Amino acid sequence: MAATAGPYAWDPHLITWVVLIVAVAPVVTGHRRLQRRAERPIPWTRRQMSLFAGAVVASVVALTWPIADLAAHWSLTALVVQRLILTLAVAPMLLLGLPYDVLQSLTRPRLVDAIVMRLQKPPVAVATVTVVVVGSMTPLLVAAQSSSRLVRGVLDLTMVAAGLVLWIPVLGRVPGILRLRPVVRFVYLVAQAVVPAFLSFIYIFSNRPLYPAFSGSHAAIGLRPLNDQQIAGFVSKLSMLLVLLTVGAVVLARAPMSDEEIGPDDPLVWADVERQFERADRSKAKAGTEGSRSGESRKADSTRRIDDGKASTTDGGLSEHPGESGQAPPADGSEPR
């Protein structure tokens, strides 16, 4: 949709609908297939279905008319709202709403498991979300997403991925990852509310518009580009603080009063144990491979040392030590007479 068509010109966003259907269908069919094959089927509860449906609905709101069109060409505030929906609504509902057997299957590959294990550490998660959020709002990328559907789609997926990174340390649910203590989760959420949102201060206190792509904001929302930019800063900052600190307060309110108490979200389940066994098997296999390579290397070194010793004895001809017979050893390797 070209910007000259008007800020509220209807666009059915057929490509977005196709992508959503293609993304949702494998989840449903994959869960049914895993249910039939599993010895201990894991149900997809009504609550999880509702959350998954909520993630789909929120995706439709963020990625179709009118928010998607305003975010692409007309308003920085609309772009910020779109990104907030993807990270603060779509990502957590998707994480909580996916069937557990599908989530277990998706995170089982070694590479995916290794990435999740690294990203679930709070400092890494904060750094990753900050880099993605700030990097996606550079003027160059904002201009690119304004003129290219492909770039917009890639950035939208990237924001959902950043949202998953943000919420995994809080919500857990991925098999075999560390469950953080409530206080640690609260501190982590405070960091996520403050660090990535520092860009908001640039929007609020800047004395000139930073994004030429949104120069027509007055025609869309009745605000000059600079005012639109300042409101975008306030919306971003306040939304992050409100949502993340509210979740942090709920986490603290539901925290167990003592170490002996276990919250409803904290028990160890079979999937955690199974994932630890899988990691142990991978470590053993890796250690065995490295051990065999080390053994082969040691064998090769020993062979080279023996060959070098034979070569030095043969090349020397006579013994290097005085008082020994100067007779060279026979060529067949037998003892000299």
Foldseek 3Di string as FASTA:
>chain_A
DDPVVALQPADAPVVLVVVLVVVVVCLVVVLVVCQVPDPDRQDQDPLLQVLQVQLSVLSCVLCHPRLVSCQQFAFVLSVLVSLCSLQQRNQVSNLSNRRLVVLLVVCQDPVSVVVLQVLLPLVNLLVVLLCLLVVCPAQVNSNVSNVDVVSVVVNSVSSNVNSNSLCCQPQPSRAQYDNDALVVLLVSLVSNLPRSLPVLVCLQPPPDARHPSNCNNCSPPNDGRSVSSNVSSVCNNVSSCVSSNVSSVVSVVQGDPDPVDDGPSGDHDPSNVVSVVVVVVVVVVVVVVVVVVVVVVVVVVVVVVVVVVVVVLVVVQADPDPPDDRHRQDPVPDGDD
